[in-house]
Amino acid sequence: MQTFFGMILGALLLAGSVYVYDSMQTSSVANGEVAITNRTIVNWDVAKADWDALRDRAHKDWVRISSK
């Protein structure tokens, strides 16, 4: 149980630290030399769209399963 908790905590810390790092970088599309130094690690718009799709699918599946 401690190992499982440690893995979850580690994943949350990693995602949080990447979010903080990316929030300090530029969020607009950079061109030229700036693109190398100010590029974010994660494309948060795509990650949010994927998370919303996953959440909606899980909700629809839960409603389908619970209605039986």
N, C-alpha and C. Protein backbone atom coordinates (compact mmCIF):
# COMPACT_ATOMS: atom_id res chain seq x y z
N MET A 1 0.82 -1.19 0.00
CA MET A 1 0.00 0.00 0.00
C MET A 1 0.86 1.26 0.00
N GLN A 2 1.96 1.22 0.74
CA GLN A 2 2.84 2.39 0.78
C GLN A 2 3.49 2.63 -0.58
N THR A 3 3.81 1.56 -1.29
CA THR A 3 4.41 1.70 -2.62
C THR A 3 3.42 2.35 -3.58
N PHE A 4 2.18 1.89 -3.55
CA PHE A 4 1.14 2.45 -4.41
C PHE A 4 0.93 3.93 -4.09
N PHE A 5 0.86 4.26 -2.80
CA PHE A 5 0.71 5.66 -2.39
C PHE A 5 1.90 6.49 -2.85
N GLY A 6 3.10 5.93 -2.76
CA GLY A 6 4.30 6.63 -3.20
C GLY A 6 4.30 6.90 -4.70
N MET A 7 3.81 5.94 -5.48
CA MET A 7 3.75 6.14 -6.93
C MET A 7 2.74 7.23 -7.29
N ILE A 8 1.59 7.23 -6.62
CA ILE A 8 0.58 8.26 -6.87
C ILE A 8 1.12 9.63 -6.48
N LEU A 9 1.72 9.71 -5.31
CA LEU A 9 2.28 10.98 -4.84
C LEU A 9 3.38 11.47 -5.77
N GLY A 10 4.24 10.58 -6.24
CA GLY A 10 5.31 10.95 -7.16
C GLY A 10 4.77 11.48 -8.48
N ALA A 11 3.72 10.84 -9.00
CA ALA A 11 3.12 11.29 -10.25
C ALA A 11 2.50 12.67 -10.07
N LEU A 12 1.84 12.90 -8.94
CA LEU A 12 1.24 14.21 -8.68
C LEU A 12 2.31 15.29 -8.52
N LEU A 13 3.39 14.97 -7.84
CA LEU A 13 4.48 15.94 -7.68
C LEU A 13 5.13 16.26 -9.02
N LEU A 14 5.31 15.24 -9.86
CA LEU A 14 5.90 15.46 -11.18
C LEU A 14 5.00 16.35 -12.02
N ALA A 15 3.72 16.04 -12.09
CA ALA A 15 2.79 16.84 -12.89
C ALA A 15 2.70 18.27 -12.35
N GLY A 16 2.69 18.42 -11.05
CA GLY A 16 2.64 19.76 -10.45
C GLY A 16 3.88 20.57 -10.74
N SER A 17 5.04 19.95 -10.65
CA SER A 17 6.28 20.69 -10.90
C SER A 17 6.41 21.05 -12.38
N VAL A 18 5.97 20.18 -13.28
CA VAL A 18 6.00 20.52 -14.70
C VAL A 18 5.03 21.67 -14.99
N TYR A 19 3.87 21.64 -14.35
CA TYR A 19 2.90 22.73 -14.55
C TYR A 19 3.48 24.06 -14.06
N VAL A 20 4.12 24.05 -12.91
CA VAL A 20 4.72 25.29 -12.38
C VAL A 20 5.83 25.78 -13.31
N TYR A 21 6.67 24.87 -13.78
CA TYR A 21 7.74 25.25 -14.70
C TYR A 21 7.16 25.85 -15.97
N ASP A 22 6.15 25.18 -16.55
CA ASP A 22 5.56 25.67 -17.79
C ASP A 22 4.81 26.98 -17.59
N SER A 23 4.25 27.21 -16.43
CA SER A 23 3.53 28.46 -16.20
C SER A 23 4.49 29.65 -16.16
N MET A 24 5.76 29.39 -15.90
CA MET A 24 6.76 30.46 -15.90
C MET A 24 7.31 30.73 -17.29
N GLN A 25 7.08 29.82 -18.24
CA GLN A 25 7.55 29.98 -19.61
C GLN A 25 6.50 30.68 -20.44
N THR A 26 6.84 31.01 -21.66
CA THR A 26 5.90 31.66 -22.56
C THR A 26 4.82 30.68 -22.99
N SER A 27 3.59 31.13 -23.12
CA SER A 27 2.51 30.26 -23.53
C SER A 27 2.14 30.46 -24.98
N SER A 28 2.71 31.46 -25.63
CA SER A 28 2.41 31.70 -27.03
C SER A 28 3.41 30.93 -27.90
N VAL A 29 3.08 30.81 -29.16
CA VAL A 29 3.96 30.11 -30.08
C VAL A 29 5.17 30.99 -30.35
N ALA A 30 6.34 30.45 -30.06
CA ALA A 30 7.57 31.22 -30.21
C ALA A 30 8.23 30.88 -31.55
N ASN A 31 8.90 31.84 -32.12
CA ASN A 31 9.60 31.66 -33.39
C ASN A 31 11.07 31.97 -33.22
N GLY A 32 11.89 31.38 -34.07
CA GLY A 32 13.31 31.70 -34.10
C GLY A 32 14.06 31.22 -32.88
N GLU A 33 15.00 32.04 -32.40
CA GLU A 33 15.84 31.68 -31.28
C GLU A 33 15.06 31.53 -29.98
N VAL A 34 13.98 32.28 -29.85
CA VAL A 34 13.17 32.25 -28.64
C VAL A 34 12.52 30.88 -28.46
N ALA A 35 12.25 30.18 -29.56
CA ALA A 35 11.57 28.89 -29.49
C ALA A 35 12.39 27.87 -28.72
N ILE A 36 13.69 27.97 -28.78
CA ILE A 36 14.54 27.01 -28.08
C ILE A 36 14.56 27.29 -26.58
N THR A 37 14.63 28.54 -26.19
CA THR A 37 14.80 28.87 -24.78
C THR A 37 13.49 28.94 -24.00
N ASN A 38 12.38 29.27 -24.65
CA ASN A 38 11.12 29.48 -23.94
C ASN A 38 10.04 28.47 -24.28
N ARG A 39 10.40 27.29 -24.72
CA ARG A 39 9.42 26.29 -25.10
C ARG A 39 8.90 25.58 -23.85
N THR A 40 7.58 25.41 -23.78
CA THR A 40 6.98 24.70 -22.64
C THR A 40 7.15 23.20 -22.82
N ILE A 41 7.08 22.46 -21.73
CA ILE A 41 7.25 21.01 -21.76
C ILE A 41 5.97 20.34 -22.24
N VAL A 42 4.83 20.79 -21.76
CA VAL A 42 3.55 20.15 -22.05
C VAL A 42 2.65 21.13 -22.80
N ASN A 43 1.94 20.63 -23.80
CA ASN A 43 0.94 21.43 -24.49
C ASN A 43 -0.35 21.30 -23.66
N TRP A 44 -0.60 22.25 -22.79
CA TRP A 44 -1.68 22.13 -21.81
C TRP A 44 -3.05 22.19 -22.44
N ASP A 45 -3.19 22.84 -23.59
CA ASP A 45 -4.50 22.87 -24.27
C ASP A 45 -4.90 21.47 -24.73
N VAL A 46 -3.95 20.74 -25.30
CA VAL A 46 -4.21 19.38 -25.75
C VAL A 46 -4.44 18.46 -24.54
N ALA A 47 -3.66 18.64 -23.50
CA ALA A 47 -3.84 17.82 -22.30
C ALA A 47 -5.22 18.04 -21.68
N LYS A 48 -5.69 19.29 -21.66
CA LYS A 48 -7.02 19.57 -21.12
C LYS A 48 -8.11 18.95 -21.98
N ALA A 49 -7.97 19.04 -23.29
CA ALA A 49 -8.97 18.44 -24.19
C ALA A 49 -9.02 16.92 -24.01
N ASP A 50 -7.85 16.29 -23.88
CA ASP A 50 -7.81 14.84 -23.65
C ASP A 50 -8.43 14.48 -22.30
N TRP A 51 -8.14 15.27 -21.27
CA TRP A 51 -8.70 15.01 -19.94
C TRP A 51 -10.22 15.16 -19.95
N ASP A 52 -10.71 16.20 -20.63
CA ASP A 52 -12.16 16.40 -20.73
C ASP A 52 -12.83 15.24 -21.46
N ALA A 53 -12.21 14.76 -22.54
CA ALA A 53 -12.76 13.63 -23.29
C ALA A 53 -12.78 12.37 -22.42
N LEU A 54 -11.72 12.14 -21.67
CA LEU A 54 -11.66 10.98 -20.78
C LEU A 54 -12.72 11.08 -19.69
N ARG A 55 -12.87 12.25 -19.10
CA ARG A 55 -13.86 12.45 -18.05
C ARG A 55 -15.28 12.26 -18.57
N ASP A 56 -15.57 12.79 -19.76
CA ASP A 56 -16.90 12.64 -20.34
C ASP A 56 -17.20 11.18 -20.68
N ARG A 57 -16.22 10.48 -21.21
CA ARG A 57 -16.42 9.07 -21.53
C ARG A 57 -16.64 8.25 -20.27
N ALA A 58 -15.87 8.52 -19.23
CA ALA A 58 -16.04 7.80 -17.97
C ALA A 58 -17.42 8.07 -17.38
N HIS A 59 -17.88 9.30 -17.46
CA HIS A 59 -19.21 9.64 -16.94
C HIS A 59 -20.30 8.92 -17.72
N LYS A 60 -20.20 8.90 -19.06
CA LYS A 60 -21.18 8.21 -19.88
C LYS A 60 -21.18 6.70 -19.60
N ASP A 61 -19.98 6.12 -19.44
CA ASP A 61 -19.90 4.69 -19.12
C ASP A 61 -20.49 4.40 -17.75
N TRP A 62 -20.23 5.29 -16.78
CA TRP A 62 -20.78 5.10 -15.44
C TRP A 62 -22.31 5.15 -15.46
N VAL A 63 -22.87 6.09 -16.20
CA VAL A 63 -24.32 6.20 -16.31
C VAL A 63 -24.88 4.94 -16.98
N ARG A 64 -24.20 4.46 -18.02
CA ARG A 64 -24.66 3.27 -18.73
C ARG A 64 -24.61 2.04 -17.81
N ILE A 65 -23.53 1.89 -17.07
CA ILE A 65 -23.38 0.73 -16.18
C ILE A 65 -24.35 0.80 -15.01
N SER A 66 -24.51 1.98 -14.43
CA SER A 66 -25.37 2.11 -13.25
C SER A 66 -26.87 2.04 -13.58
N SER A 67 -27.23 2.23 -14.85
CA SER A 67 -28.64 2.17 -15.20
C SER A 67 -29.15 0.75 -15.40
N LYS A 68 -28.24 -0.22 -15.42
CA LYS A 68 -28.65 -1.62 -15.64
C LYS A 68 -29.23 -2.23 -14.40
